[in-house]
Amino acid sequence: MSYIIGSKCVGVKDSACMSVCPVDCIYESLEQMFINPDECIDCGACVPECPVEAIWDSEDLAIQMGEIEYVKKNYENFGLSYE
């Protein structure tokens, strides 16, 4: 499982999460930030830094909160498929 950046990030793109990531696995796209699931070490450093609370600590929780579209977008952004 990977941390997921959801819909609250769209249009905000605050980079505070990027600056605390010890493995630099957070990337900026035109619309929002994304976390590379292959690089993320699940440390959680990014979660408290997000000013809009857009980061979910698991794919399952993001899906439960109606963010399945963003789980898929996160994977697709890195050329991966979610399933």
Foldseek 3Di string as FASTA:
>chain_A
DAKFFFDQFFPPADCQLQVQQPQNQWDADPGGIAGARVRDPLPCRSQVRDPRRRIDSDPVVCVVVVGVVRVQVRQVVVPHGDD
